[in-house]
Amino acid sequence: MVRYLIKGVFIFLVTLFLFYLFLKYNQLSGFGHLAIDLFIFIGAFIFTFIIASLIDIWMDKIHFKFTLQLICSLLLILFFVYKMFTPYFYTEQHLKENAMDKIELYYQLSNNELSEEERINLAEASHTELMAFNLTYLNRYPEEELVEIEVKDFRRYYYQYHIVVELELLKQTQLVKETNRYIFTREGFDFKIGGRSFID
C-alpha cells in the first residue's frame, strides 16, 4: 500500500517538475490565441505525465526503487516549497540590503552619460526580464538622482517580498521625497524588481 502511494506521489511530482520546466523555458506558447495555447499546455502536461510514467517503469530495474523514489519525492517537495516560499529562506536584513542595492542600480539609469548597452545591463541587473525590457524598449528611465533611501515597511508574500521605501531624490536642483512600494521576485539566482508603485 505504502509502495503504491509513494509511486503515485513520485509520478505526480516528476510530472509537475517537468511541466514547471516546460513553462519556464517553453517557446511554443504565446500565439495570442487562447485555444492554441490551451491545447499546447494540455499536450505538454500529458507528455510530461507519460515521461514520468516511463521513468517509473525504467526504475523497476533498480533494486532500491522504493528508497530512491522516496528520496526523490522528498527532494522535489523541498524544491517546490522553496519555489513557493523563497523569501522565507532568507533573513529580513539580507532581503532589505538586496532591495536597496537594486533600487540604487535603478536610479543609476538617470545618468545621461551611460551608453545604451550600459543602461540595458543596469536594467537587466536590477529588474526582472519583463520589467527590464519595458524600461529599455520604452526608454522609461528615471530622471531624478537618488540621494538617500529609508526602508519604511517590509513584508514577505509567498514567492515575492514587498518593501516600502522613502526616497530622497534630486530633481534638477531641488530635493524631493517620494514613498514607493517595490515588489521583488526571484529570477535566476537573485531577487529583482518586478513591480513598482507610488504611495501618496
N, C-alpha and C. Protein backbone atom coordinates (compact mmCIF):
# COMPACT_ATOMS: atom_id res chain seq x y z
N MET A 1 0.83 -1.21 0.00
CA MET A 1 0.00 0.00 0.00
C MET A 1 0.87 1.27 0.00
N VAL A 2 1.87 1.28 0.90
CA VAL A 2 2.75 2.44 1.00
C VAL A 2 3.57 2.60 -0.27
N ARG A 3 4.00 1.46 -0.84
CA ARG A 3 4.79 1.50 -2.07
C ARG A 3 3.99 2.12 -3.21
N TYR A 4 2.72 1.76 -3.33
CA TYR A 4 1.87 2.32 -4.39
C TYR A 4 1.63 3.82 -4.17
N LEU A 5 1.51 4.20 -2.90
CA LEU A 5 1.33 5.62 -2.57
C LEU A 5 2.56 6.43 -2.97
N ILE A 6 3.74 5.92 -2.60
CA ILE A 6 4.99 6.61 -2.95
C ILE A 6 5.16 6.66 -4.47
N LYS A 7 4.80 5.57 -5.14
CA LYS A 7 4.89 5.52 -6.60
C LYS A 7 4.01 6.59 -7.23
N GLY A 8 2.76 6.72 -6.74
CA GLY A 8 1.84 7.73 -7.27
C GLY A 8 2.33 9.14 -7.01
N VAL A 9 2.83 9.36 -5.79
CA VAL A 9 3.36 10.69 -5.43
C VAL A 9 4.58 11.01 -6.29
N PHE A 10 5.43 10.04 -6.50
CA PHE A 10 6.64 10.23 -7.31
C PHE A 10 6.28 10.63 -8.74
N ILE A 11 5.36 9.89 -9.36
CA ILE A 11 4.95 10.19 -10.74
C ILE A 11 4.32 11.58 -10.81
N PHE A 12 3.49 11.92 -9.83
CA PHE A 12 2.83 13.22 -9.80
C PHE A 12 3.85 14.36 -9.68
N LEU A 13 4.82 14.20 -8.77
CA LEU A 13 5.81 15.25 -8.55
C LEU A 13 6.76 15.40 -9.73
N VAL A 14 7.15 14.29 -10.34
CA VAL A 14 8.02 14.37 -11.52
C VAL A 14 7.26 15.04 -12.67
N THR A 15 5.98 14.72 -12.81
CA THR A 15 5.16 15.37 -13.84
C THR A 15 5.10 16.88 -13.61
N LEU A 16 4.86 17.29 -12.36
CA LEU A 16 4.83 18.71 -12.04
C LEU A 16 6.16 19.39 -12.31
N PHE A 17 7.25 18.71 -11.96
CA PHE A 17 8.58 19.28 -12.15
C PHE A 17 8.89 19.47 -13.64
N LEU A 18 8.59 18.46 -14.46
CA LEU A 18 8.83 18.56 -15.90
C LEU A 18 7.93 19.63 -16.52
N PHE A 19 6.69 19.72 -16.03
CA PHE A 19 5.77 20.74 -16.55
C PHE A 19 6.25 22.13 -16.14
N TYR A 20 6.80 22.25 -14.94
CA TYR A 20 7.38 23.53 -14.49
C TYR A 20 8.52 23.95 -15.42
N LEU A 21 9.39 22.99 -15.77
CA LEU A 21 10.49 23.29 -16.69
C LEU A 21 9.97 23.72 -18.05
N PHE A 22 8.89 23.08 -18.50
CA PHE A 22 8.28 23.46 -19.78
C PHE A 22 7.77 24.90 -19.72
N LEU A 23 7.06 25.25 -18.64
CA LEU A 23 6.52 26.60 -18.50
C LEU A 23 7.63 27.64 -18.43
N LYS A 24 8.74 27.26 -17.82
CA LYS A 24 9.84 28.21 -17.64
C LYS A 24 10.61 28.46 -18.93
N TYR A 25 10.77 27.42 -19.73
CA TYR A 25 11.65 27.53 -20.90
C TYR A 25 10.93 27.40 -22.24
N ASN A 26 9.60 27.24 -22.22
CA ASN A 26 8.92 26.97 -23.49
C ASN A 26 8.93 28.18 -24.41
N GLN A 27 9.03 27.90 -25.69
CA GLN A 27 8.96 28.93 -26.74
C GLN A 27 7.78 28.66 -27.66
N LEU A 28 6.89 27.75 -27.24
CA LEU A 28 5.81 27.32 -28.13
C LEU A 28 4.52 28.09 -27.93
N SER A 29 4.26 28.55 -26.70
CA SER A 29 3.00 29.26 -26.43
C SER A 29 3.18 30.74 -26.75
N GLY A 30 2.10 31.49 -26.57
CA GLY A 30 2.15 32.92 -26.82
C GLY A 30 1.73 33.29 -28.23
N PHE A 31 0.89 32.44 -28.83
CA PHE A 31 0.41 32.74 -30.18
C PHE A 31 -0.68 33.80 -30.17
N GLY A 32 -1.18 34.13 -28.99
CA GLY A 32 -2.23 35.13 -28.90
C GLY A 32 -3.62 34.55 -29.07
N HIS A 33 -3.69 33.23 -29.25
CA HIS A 33 -4.98 32.56 -29.40
C HIS A 33 -5.15 31.60 -28.24
N LEU A 34 -6.17 31.80 -27.43
CA LEU A 34 -6.35 31.04 -26.20
C LEU A 34 -6.46 29.55 -26.47
N ALA A 35 -7.21 29.17 -27.50
CA ALA A 35 -7.42 27.75 -27.80
C ALA A 35 -6.11 27.04 -28.14
N ILE A 36 -5.26 27.70 -28.93
CA ILE A 36 -3.97 27.09 -29.32
C ILE A 36 -3.07 26.95 -28.10
N ASP A 37 -2.97 28.02 -27.29
CA ASP A 37 -2.13 27.96 -26.08
C ASP A 37 -2.63 26.90 -25.12
N LEU A 38 -3.95 26.80 -24.96
CA LEU A 38 -4.54 25.80 -24.06
C LEU A 38 -4.23 24.39 -24.56
N PHE A 39 -4.32 24.19 -25.86
CA PHE A 39 -4.01 22.89 -26.47
C PHE A 39 -2.55 22.52 -26.21
N ILE A 40 -1.64 23.51 -26.35
CA ILE A 40 -0.21 23.27 -26.11
C ILE A 40 0.04 22.90 -24.66
N PHE A 41 -0.59 23.61 -23.71
CA PHE A 41 -0.39 23.33 -22.29
C PHE A 41 -0.92 21.95 -21.91
N ILE A 42 -2.11 21.60 -22.42
CA ILE A 42 -2.68 20.28 -22.12
C ILE A 42 -1.80 19.18 -22.71
N GLY A 43 -1.36 19.40 -23.96
CA GLY A 43 -0.47 18.43 -24.60
C GLY A 43 0.83 18.26 -23.84
N ALA A 44 1.38 19.39 -23.37
CA ALA A 44 2.65 19.35 -22.62
C ALA A 44 2.47 18.61 -21.30
N PHE A 45 1.33 18.83 -20.64
CA PHE A 45 1.09 18.15 -19.36
C PHE A 45 0.96 16.64 -19.57
N ILE A 46 0.23 16.24 -20.61
CA ILE A 46 0.08 14.80 -20.91
C ILE A 46 1.44 14.20 -21.25
N PHE A 47 2.23 14.93 -22.04
CA PHE A 47 3.56 14.44 -22.42
C PHE A 47 4.46 14.28 -21.21
N THR A 48 4.44 15.25 -20.29
CA THR A 48 5.28 15.15 -19.09
C THR A 48 4.82 14.00 -18.19
N PHE A 49 3.50 13.74 -18.17
CA PHE A 49 2.99 12.60 -17.39
C PHE A 49 3.48 11.28 -17.98
N ILE A 50 3.49 11.18 -19.30
CA ILE A 50 3.98 9.97 -19.96
C ILE A 50 5.47 9.77 -19.66
N ILE A 51 6.25 10.86 -19.72
CA ILE A 51 7.69 10.77 -19.41
C ILE A 51 7.89 10.30 -17.97
N ALA A 52 7.12 10.88 -17.03
CA ALA A 52 7.24 10.49 -15.62
C ALA A 52 6.88 9.02 -15.43
N SER A 53 5.88 8.55 -16.14
CA SER A 53 5.48 7.13 -16.06
C SER A 53 6.57 6.23 -16.63
N LEU A 54 7.21 6.66 -17.72
CA LEU A 54 8.30 5.88 -18.31
C LEU A 54 9.50 5.82 -17.37
N ILE A 55 9.76 6.92 -16.67
CA ILE A 55 10.84 6.92 -15.67
C ILE A 55 10.54 5.91 -14.57
N ASP A 56 9.27 5.87 -14.14
CA ASP A 56 8.86 4.91 -13.10
C ASP A 56 9.05 3.47 -13.59
N ILE A 57 8.68 3.21 -14.83
CA ILE A 57 8.86 1.86 -15.40
C ILE A 57 10.34 1.52 -15.49
N TRP A 58 11.16 2.48 -15.94
CA TRP A 58 12.60 2.25 -16.04
C TRP A 58 13.20 1.94 -14.66
N MET A 59 12.66 2.55 -13.62
CA MET A 59 13.20 2.36 -12.27
C MET A 59 12.87 0.98 -11.71
N ASP A 60 11.99 0.22 -12.40
CA ASP A 60 11.70 -1.15 -11.96
C ASP A 60 12.95 -2.02 -11.97
N LYS A 61 13.93 -1.62 -12.80
CA LYS A 61 15.18 -2.40 -12.90
C LYS A 61 16.12 -2.14 -11.73
N ILE A 62 15.82 -1.12 -10.93
CA ILE A 62 16.69 -0.74 -9.82
C ILE A 62 16.24 -1.46 -8.55
N HIS A 63 17.18 -2.04 -7.83
CA HIS A 63 16.85 -2.81 -6.63
C HIS A 63 16.25 -1.94 -5.53
N PHE A 64 16.73 -0.70 -5.41
CA PHE A 64 16.26 0.18 -4.33
C PHE A 64 15.28 1.22 -4.87
N LYS A 65 14.37 0.78 -5.70
CA LYS A 65 13.41 1.69 -6.34
C LYS A 65 12.59 2.46 -5.31
N PHE A 66 12.04 1.77 -4.30
CA PHE A 66 11.20 2.42 -3.30
C PHE A 66 11.96 3.52 -2.56
N THR A 67 13.18 3.19 -2.11
CA THR A 67 14.00 4.17 -1.38
C THR A 67 14.35 5.36 -2.26
N LEU A 68 14.72 5.07 -3.51
CA LEU A 68 15.09 6.13 -4.44
C LEU A 68 13.91 7.04 -4.74
N GLN A 69 12.74 6.45 -4.97
CA GLN A 69 11.55 7.26 -5.24
C GLN A 69 11.16 8.09 -4.02
N LEU A 70 11.33 7.54 -2.84
CA LEU A 70 11.03 8.29 -1.61
C LEU A 70 11.96 9.49 -1.47
N ILE A 71 13.26 9.28 -1.70
CA ILE A 71 14.24 10.37 -1.60
C ILE A 71 13.96 11.43 -2.66
N CYS A 72 13.72 11.01 -3.90
CA CYS A 72 13.43 11.95 -5.00
C CYS A 72 12.15 12.75 -4.71
N SER A 73 11.15 12.08 -4.17
CA SER A 73 9.89 12.77 -3.84
C SER A 73 10.11 13.83 -2.78
N LEU A 74 10.89 13.50 -1.75
CA LEU A 74 11.18 14.48 -0.70
C LEU A 74 11.97 15.66 -1.24
N LEU A 75 12.93 15.39 -2.12
CA LEU A 75 13.72 16.47 -2.72
C LEU A 75 12.84 17.37 -3.60
N LEU A 76 11.92 16.77 -4.34
CA LEU A 76 11.03 17.56 -5.19
C LEU A 76 10.05 18.39 -4.35
N ILE A 77 9.60 17.83 -3.23
CA ILE A 77 8.74 18.59 -2.33
C ILE A 77 9.50 19.80 -1.78
N LEU A 78 10.75 19.58 -1.37
CA LEU A 78 11.58 20.69 -0.89
C LEU A 78 11.79 21.74 -1.98
N PHE A 79 11.98 21.30 -3.22
CA PHE A 79 12.16 22.21 -4.35
C PHE A 79 10.94 23.10 -4.53
N PHE A 80 9.74 22.48 -4.52
CA PHE A 80 8.52 23.27 -4.72
C PHE A 80 8.22 24.18 -3.53
N VAL A 81 8.53 23.72 -2.33
CA VAL A 81 8.36 24.58 -1.14
C VAL A 81 9.27 25.79 -1.25
N TYR A 82 10.52 25.56 -1.68
CA TYR A 82 11.47 26.66 -1.86
C TYR A 82 10.98 27.64 -2.91
N LYS A 83 10.47 27.13 -4.03
CA LYS A 83 9.99 27.99 -5.11
C LYS A 83 8.78 28.81 -4.68
N MET A 84 7.89 28.22 -3.89
CA MET A 84 6.67 28.91 -3.47
C MET A 84 6.91 29.90 -2.33
N PHE A 85 7.94 29.64 -1.51
CA PHE A 85 8.17 30.47 -0.32
C PHE A 85 9.62 30.94 -0.24
N THR A 86 10.20 31.29 -1.39
CA THR A 86 11.62 31.64 -1.45
C THR A 86 12.06 32.70 -0.44
N PRO A 87 11.35 33.83 -0.30
CA PRO A 87 11.83 34.87 0.63
C PRO A 87 11.96 34.42 2.08
N TYR A 88 11.21 33.38 2.46
CA TYR A 88 11.25 32.91 3.84
C TYR A 88 12.55 32.17 4.16
N PHE A 89 13.34 31.85 3.14
CA PHE A 89 14.62 31.17 3.34
C PHE A 89 15.77 32.15 3.53
N TYR A 90 15.46 33.46 3.49
CA TYR A 90 16.48 34.49 3.63
C TYR A 90 16.12 35.42 4.79
N THR A 91 17.14 35.98 5.41
CA THR A 91 16.89 36.88 6.53
C THR A 91 16.31 38.20 6.01
N GLU A 92 15.58 38.86 6.88
CA GLU A 92 15.00 40.16 6.53
C GLU A 92 16.08 41.17 6.15
N GLN A 93 17.18 41.15 6.89
CA GLN A 93 18.28 42.08 6.63
C GLN A 93 18.86 41.86 5.23
N HIS A 94 19.05 40.61 4.87
CA HIS A 94 19.60 40.29 3.54
C HIS A 94 18.67 40.79 2.43
N LEU A 95 17.37 40.58 2.59
CA LEU A 95 16.40 41.00 1.57
C LEU A 95 16.32 42.52 1.47
N LYS A 96 16.40 43.20 2.62
CA LYS A 96 16.39 44.67 2.60
C LYS A 96 17.63 45.23 1.90
N GLU A 97 18.78 44.66 2.21
CA GLU A 97 20.02 45.12 1.57
C GLU A 97 19.98 44.87 0.07
N ASN A 98 19.45 43.72 -0.32
CA ASN A 98 19.31 43.42 -1.75
C ASN A 98 18.39 44.43 -2.42
N ALA A 99 17.28 44.76 -1.75
CA ALA A 99 16.33 45.72 -2.31
C ALA A 99 16.98 47.09 -2.51
N MET A 100 17.71 47.55 -1.50
CA MET A 100 18.36 48.86 -1.62
C MET A 100 19.41 48.88 -2.72
N ASP A 101 20.14 47.76 -2.87
CA ASP A 101 21.13 47.67 -3.95
C ASP A 101 20.45 47.78 -5.32
N LYS A 102 19.33 47.09 -5.49
CA LYS A 102 18.63 47.10 -6.78
C LYS A 102 18.00 48.48 -7.06
N ILE A 103 17.51 49.14 -6.04
CA ILE A 103 16.94 50.48 -6.22
C ILE A 103 18.03 51.47 -6.60
N GLU A 104 19.20 51.33 -5.97
CA GLU A 104 20.34 52.20 -6.33
C GLU A 104 20.75 51.98 -7.78
N LEU A 105 20.76 50.71 -8.22
CA LEU A 105 21.08 50.41 -9.62
C LEU A 105 20.06 51.04 -10.56
N TYR A 106 18.79 50.99 -10.15
CA TYR A 106 17.72 51.56 -10.97
C TYR A 106 17.94 53.07 -11.18
N TYR A 107 18.29 53.77 -10.13
CA TYR A 107 18.45 55.23 -10.24
C TYR A 107 19.77 55.62 -10.91
N GLN A 108 20.68 54.67 -11.05
CA GLN A 108 21.88 54.95 -11.85
C GLN A 108 21.53 55.12 -13.33
N LEU A 109 20.35 54.63 -13.71
CA LEU A 109 19.89 54.78 -15.10
C LEU A 109 19.61 56.24 -15.46
N SER A 110 19.56 57.11 -14.46
CA SER A 110 19.30 58.53 -14.73
C SER A 110 20.54 59.23 -15.29
N ASN A 111 21.67 58.55 -15.25
CA ASN A 111 22.92 59.14 -15.75
C ASN A 111 22.90 59.18 -17.28
N ASN A 112 22.84 60.37 -17.84
CA ASN A 112 22.75 60.53 -19.29
C ASN A 112 24.05 60.21 -20.02
N GLU A 113 25.13 60.04 -19.26
CA GLU A 113 26.42 59.72 -19.89
C GLU A 113 26.57 58.23 -20.18
N LEU A 114 25.63 57.43 -19.69
CA LEU A 114 25.68 55.98 -19.93
C LEU A 114 25.37 55.68 -21.38
N SER A 115 26.05 54.68 -21.92
CA SER A 115 25.71 54.22 -23.27
C SER A 115 24.44 53.36 -23.19
N GLU A 116 23.84 53.09 -24.34
CA GLU A 116 22.62 52.29 -24.35
C GLU A 116 22.89 50.88 -23.83
N GLU A 117 24.04 50.34 -24.16
CA GLU A 117 24.39 48.99 -23.69
C GLU A 117 24.56 48.97 -22.17
N GLU A 118 25.17 50.01 -21.62
CA GLU A 118 25.33 50.09 -20.16
C GLU A 118 23.99 50.21 -19.47
N ARG A 119 23.07 50.96 -20.06
CA ARG A 119 21.73 51.09 -19.48
C ARG A 119 20.98 49.76 -19.51
N ILE A 120 21.11 49.05 -20.61
CA ILE A 120 20.46 47.74 -20.72
C ILE A 120 21.00 46.80 -19.66
N ASN A 121 22.33 46.79 -19.47
CA ASN A 121 22.95 45.92 -18.46
C ASN A 121 22.48 46.28 -17.05
N LEU A 122 22.37 47.58 -16.75
CA LEU A 122 21.88 48.01 -15.43
C LEU A 122 20.42 47.62 -15.23
N ALA A 123 19.62 47.80 -16.27
CA ALA A 123 18.19 47.45 -16.20
C ALA A 123 18.02 45.96 -15.96
N GLU A 124 18.81 45.14 -16.65
CA GLU A 124 18.71 43.69 -16.51
C GLU A 124 19.25 43.21 -15.16
N ALA A 125 20.21 43.94 -14.61
CA ALA A 125 20.79 43.57 -13.31
C ALA A 125 19.84 43.89 -12.16
N SER A 126 18.98 44.89 -12.34
CA SER A 126 18.11 45.33 -11.25
C SER A 126 16.66 44.91 -11.39
N HIS A 127 16.22 44.57 -12.60
CA HIS A 127 14.80 44.26 -12.85
C HIS A 127 14.63 42.86 -13.44
N THR A 128 13.44 42.32 -13.28
CA THR A 128 13.11 41.07 -13.93
C THR A 128 13.14 41.27 -15.45
N GLU A 129 13.16 40.19 -16.17
CA GLU A 129 13.33 40.26 -17.63
C GLU A 129 12.26 41.13 -18.28
N LEU A 130 11.00 40.93 -17.89
CA LEU A 130 9.91 41.70 -18.50
C LEU A 130 10.00 43.18 -18.14
N MET A 131 10.29 43.48 -16.88
CA MET A 131 10.43 44.87 -16.45
C MET A 131 11.61 45.55 -17.14
N ALA A 132 12.72 44.84 -17.26
CA ALA A 132 13.90 45.40 -17.92
C ALA A 132 13.61 45.70 -19.39
N PHE A 133 12.87 44.81 -20.03
CA PHE A 133 12.51 45.03 -21.44
C PHE A 133 11.63 46.28 -21.58
N ASN A 134 10.65 46.44 -20.68
CA ASN A 134 9.78 47.62 -20.73
C ASN A 134 10.57 48.91 -20.51
N LEU A 135 11.52 48.88 -19.58
CA LEU A 135 12.33 50.06 -19.30
C LEU A 135 13.15 50.47 -20.52
N THR A 136 13.83 49.50 -21.12
CA THR A 136 14.75 49.81 -22.22
C THR A 136 13.99 50.08 -23.52
N TYR A 137 12.95 49.31 -23.78
CA TYR A 137 12.20 49.47 -25.04
C TYR A 137 11.45 50.79 -25.08
N LEU A 138 10.86 51.16 -23.92
CA LEU A 138 10.08 52.40 -23.85
C LEU A 138 10.90 53.59 -23.35
N ASN A 139 12.18 53.36 -23.05
CA ASN A 139 13.06 54.42 -22.51
C ASN A 139 12.46 55.08 -21.26
N ARG A 140 11.94 54.25 -20.38
CA ARG A 140 11.32 54.77 -19.15
C ARG A 140 12.35 54.81 -18.03
N TYR A 141 13.37 55.60 -18.22
CA TYR A 141 14.43 55.73 -17.22
C TYR A 141 14.10 56.83 -16.23
N PRO A 142 14.58 56.71 -15.00
CA PRO A 142 14.33 57.78 -14.02
C PRO A 142 15.06 59.06 -14.41
N GLU A 143 14.46 60.19 -14.07
CA GLU A 143 15.09 61.48 -14.35
C GLU A 143 15.78 62.04 -13.12
N GLU A 144 15.42 61.52 -11.94
CA GLU A 144 15.97 62.04 -10.70
C GLU A 144 17.21 61.26 -10.29
N GLU A 145 18.05 61.89 -9.48
CA GLU A 145 19.21 61.22 -8.88
C GLU A 145 18.85 60.82 -7.46
N LEU A 146 19.26 59.62 -7.07
CA LEU A 146 18.98 59.13 -5.73
C LEU A 146 19.97 59.70 -4.73
N VAL A 147 19.44 60.24 -3.64
CA VAL A 147 20.28 60.81 -2.58
C VAL A 147 20.30 59.88 -1.37
N GLU A 148 19.11 59.41 -0.97
CA GLU A 148 19.03 58.59 0.24
C GLU A 148 17.81 57.66 0.17
N ILE A 149 17.95 56.48 0.79
CA ILE A 149 16.85 55.50 0.89
C ILE A 149 16.60 55.20 2.36
N GLU A 150 15.34 55.15 2.72
CA GLU A 150 14.98 54.73 4.08
C GLU A 150 13.84 53.72 3.98
N VAL A 151 14.05 52.54 4.53
CA VAL A 151 13.04 51.49 4.50
C VAL A 151 11.96 51.78 5.53
N LYS A 152 10.71 51.76 5.07
CA LYS A 152 9.57 52.05 5.95
C LYS A 152 8.77 50.80 6.31
N ASP A 153 8.73 49.85 5.40
CA ASP A 153 7.94 48.64 5.65
C ASP A 153 8.52 47.49 4.82
N PHE A 154 8.36 46.27 5.36
CA PHE A 154 8.87 45.08 4.68
C PHE A 154 7.92 43.93 4.95
N ARG A 155 7.53 43.21 3.89
CA ARG A 155 6.65 42.05 4.06
C ARG A 155 6.96 40.98 3.02
N ARG A 156 6.89 39.74 3.47
CA ARG A 156 7.03 38.60 2.56
C ARG A 156 5.64 38.15 2.11
N TYR A 157 5.53 37.82 0.82
CA TYR A 157 4.28 37.29 0.26
C TYR A 157 4.61 36.10 -0.63
N TYR A 158 4.56 34.90 -0.05
CA TYR A 158 4.83 33.67 -0.79
C TYR A 158 6.18 33.75 -1.51
N TYR A 159 6.20 33.82 -2.84
CA TYR A 159 7.45 33.80 -3.59
C TYR A 159 7.99 35.21 -3.87
N GLN A 160 7.32 36.23 -3.32
CA GLN A 160 7.75 37.61 -3.50
C GLN A 160 7.97 38.27 -2.14
N TYR A 161 8.60 39.42 -2.17
CA TYR A 161 8.55 40.27 -0.99
C TYR A 161 8.37 41.72 -1.43
N HIS A 162 7.66 42.46 -0.58
CA HIS A 162 7.33 43.86 -0.86
C HIS A 162 8.09 44.73 0.14
N ILE A 163 8.55 45.84 -0.35
CA ILE A 163 9.26 46.77 0.51
C ILE A 163 8.79 48.19 0.20
N VAL A 164 8.50 48.95 1.25
CA VAL A 164 8.10 50.35 1.11
C VAL A 164 9.28 51.20 1.55
N VAL A 165 9.69 52.12 0.67
CA VAL A 165 10.84 52.96 0.97
C VAL A 165 10.50 54.44 0.77
N GLU A 166 11.12 55.26 1.60
CA GLU A 166 11.05 56.71 1.38
C GLU A 166 12.35 57.12 0.69
N LEU A 167 12.23 57.75 -0.45
CA LEU A 167 13.38 58.14 -1.25
C LEU A 167 13.57 59.64 -1.21
N GLU A 168 14.79 60.06 -1.02
CA GLU A 168 15.14 61.47 -1.17
C GLU A 168 15.84 61.60 -2.52
N LEU A 169 15.24 62.38 -3.42
CA LEU A 169 15.71 62.47 -4.79
C LEU A 169 16.08 63.89 -5.16
N LEU A 170 17.07 63.99 -6.02
CA LEU A 170 17.48 65.30 -6.55
C LEU A 170 16.87 65.45 -7.94
N LYS A 171 15.89 66.33 -8.02
CA LYS A 171 15.21 66.58 -9.29
C LYS A 171 15.63 67.96 -9.79
N GLN A 172 16.49 67.96 -10.79
CA GLN A 172 17.14 69.18 -11.28
C GLN A 172 17.96 69.77 -10.14
N THR A 173 17.49 70.84 -9.51
CA THR A 173 18.25 71.43 -8.40
C THR A 173 17.48 71.36 -7.08
N GLN A 174 16.39 70.60 -7.09
CA GLN A 174 15.51 70.57 -5.92
C GLN A 174 15.45 69.17 -5.32
N LEU A 175 15.51 69.11 -3.98
CA LEU A 175 15.37 67.84 -3.28
C LEU A 175 13.89 67.54 -3.06
N VAL A 176 13.46 66.34 -3.45
CA VAL A 176 12.07 65.93 -3.24
C VAL A 176 12.06 64.58 -2.56
N LYS A 177 10.95 64.29 -1.88
CA LYS A 177 10.80 63.00 -1.21
C LYS A 177 9.63 62.24 -1.83
N GLU A 178 9.83 60.95 -2.01
CA GLU A 178 8.79 60.07 -2.56
C GLU A 178 8.72 58.82 -1.70
N THR A 179 7.51 58.27 -1.58
CA THR A 179 7.35 56.98 -0.93
C THR A 179 6.87 55.99 -1.98
N ASN A 180 7.65 54.94 -2.20
CA ASN A 180 7.36 53.95 -3.23
C ASN A 180 7.28 52.55 -2.64
N ARG A 181 6.49 51.72 -3.30
CA ARG A 181 6.45 50.29 -2.96
C ARG A 181 7.10 49.51 -4.10
N TYR A 182 8.04 48.65 -3.76
CA TYR A 182 8.70 47.80 -4.74
C TYR A 182 8.36 46.33 -4.47
N ILE A 183 8.13 45.61 -5.54
CA ILE A 183 7.88 44.17 -5.44
C ILE A 183 9.11 43.46 -6.00
N PHE A 184 9.65 42.53 -5.21
CA PHE A 184 10.83 41.79 -5.63
C PHE A 184 10.49 40.32 -5.84
N THR A 185 10.94 39.80 -6.97
CA THR A 185 10.69 38.42 -7.36
C THR A 185 12.01 37.74 -7.67
N ARG A 186 12.10 36.48 -7.29
CA ARG A 186 13.32 35.72 -7.56
C ARG A 186 13.40 35.42 -9.06
N GLU A 187 14.53 35.76 -9.66
CA GLU A 187 14.79 35.44 -11.05
C GLU A 187 16.23 34.97 -11.17
N GLY A 188 16.41 33.74 -11.60
CA GLY A 188 17.75 33.17 -11.61
C GLY A 188 18.23 32.96 -10.18
N PHE A 189 19.36 33.57 -9.85
CA PHE A 189 19.93 33.41 -8.52
C PHE A 189 19.79 34.67 -7.68
N ASP A 190 18.90 35.57 -8.07
CA ASP A 190 18.82 36.85 -7.39
C ASP A 190 17.37 37.34 -7.35
N PHE A 191 17.08 38.18 -6.36
CA PHE A 191 15.79 38.88 -6.32
C PHE A 191 15.93 40.18 -7.09
N LYS A 192 14.95 40.44 -7.96
CA LYS A 192 14.99 41.64 -8.78
C LYS A 192 13.65 42.37 -8.71
N ILE A 193 13.67 43.63 -9.11
CA ILE A 193 12.45 44.43 -9.08
C ILE A 193 11.46 43.90 -10.12
N GLY A 194 10.28 43.52 -9.63
CA GLY A 194 9.24 43.00 -10.53
C GLY A 194 8.04 43.91 -10.63
N GLY A 195 8.05 44.99 -9.83
CA GLY A 195 6.94 45.92 -9.85
C GLY A 195 7.26 47.12 -8.98
N ARG A 196 6.62 48.24 -9.30
CA ARG A 196 6.88 49.49 -8.56
C ARG A 196 5.65 50.34 -8.61
N SER A 197 5.30 50.95 -7.48
CA SER A 197 4.13 51.84 -7.43
C SER A 197 4.39 52.99 -6.48
N PHE A 198 3.73 54.10 -6.72
CA PHE A 198 3.85 55.27 -5.85
C PHE A 198 2.83 55.19 -4.73
N ILE A 199 3.22 55.69 -3.57
CA ILE A 199 2.30 55.78 -2.43
C ILE A 199 2.17 57.25 -2.05
N ASP A 200 0.96 57.71 -1.97
CA ASP A 200 0.74 59.12 -1.61
C ASP A 200 1.16 59.39 -0.18
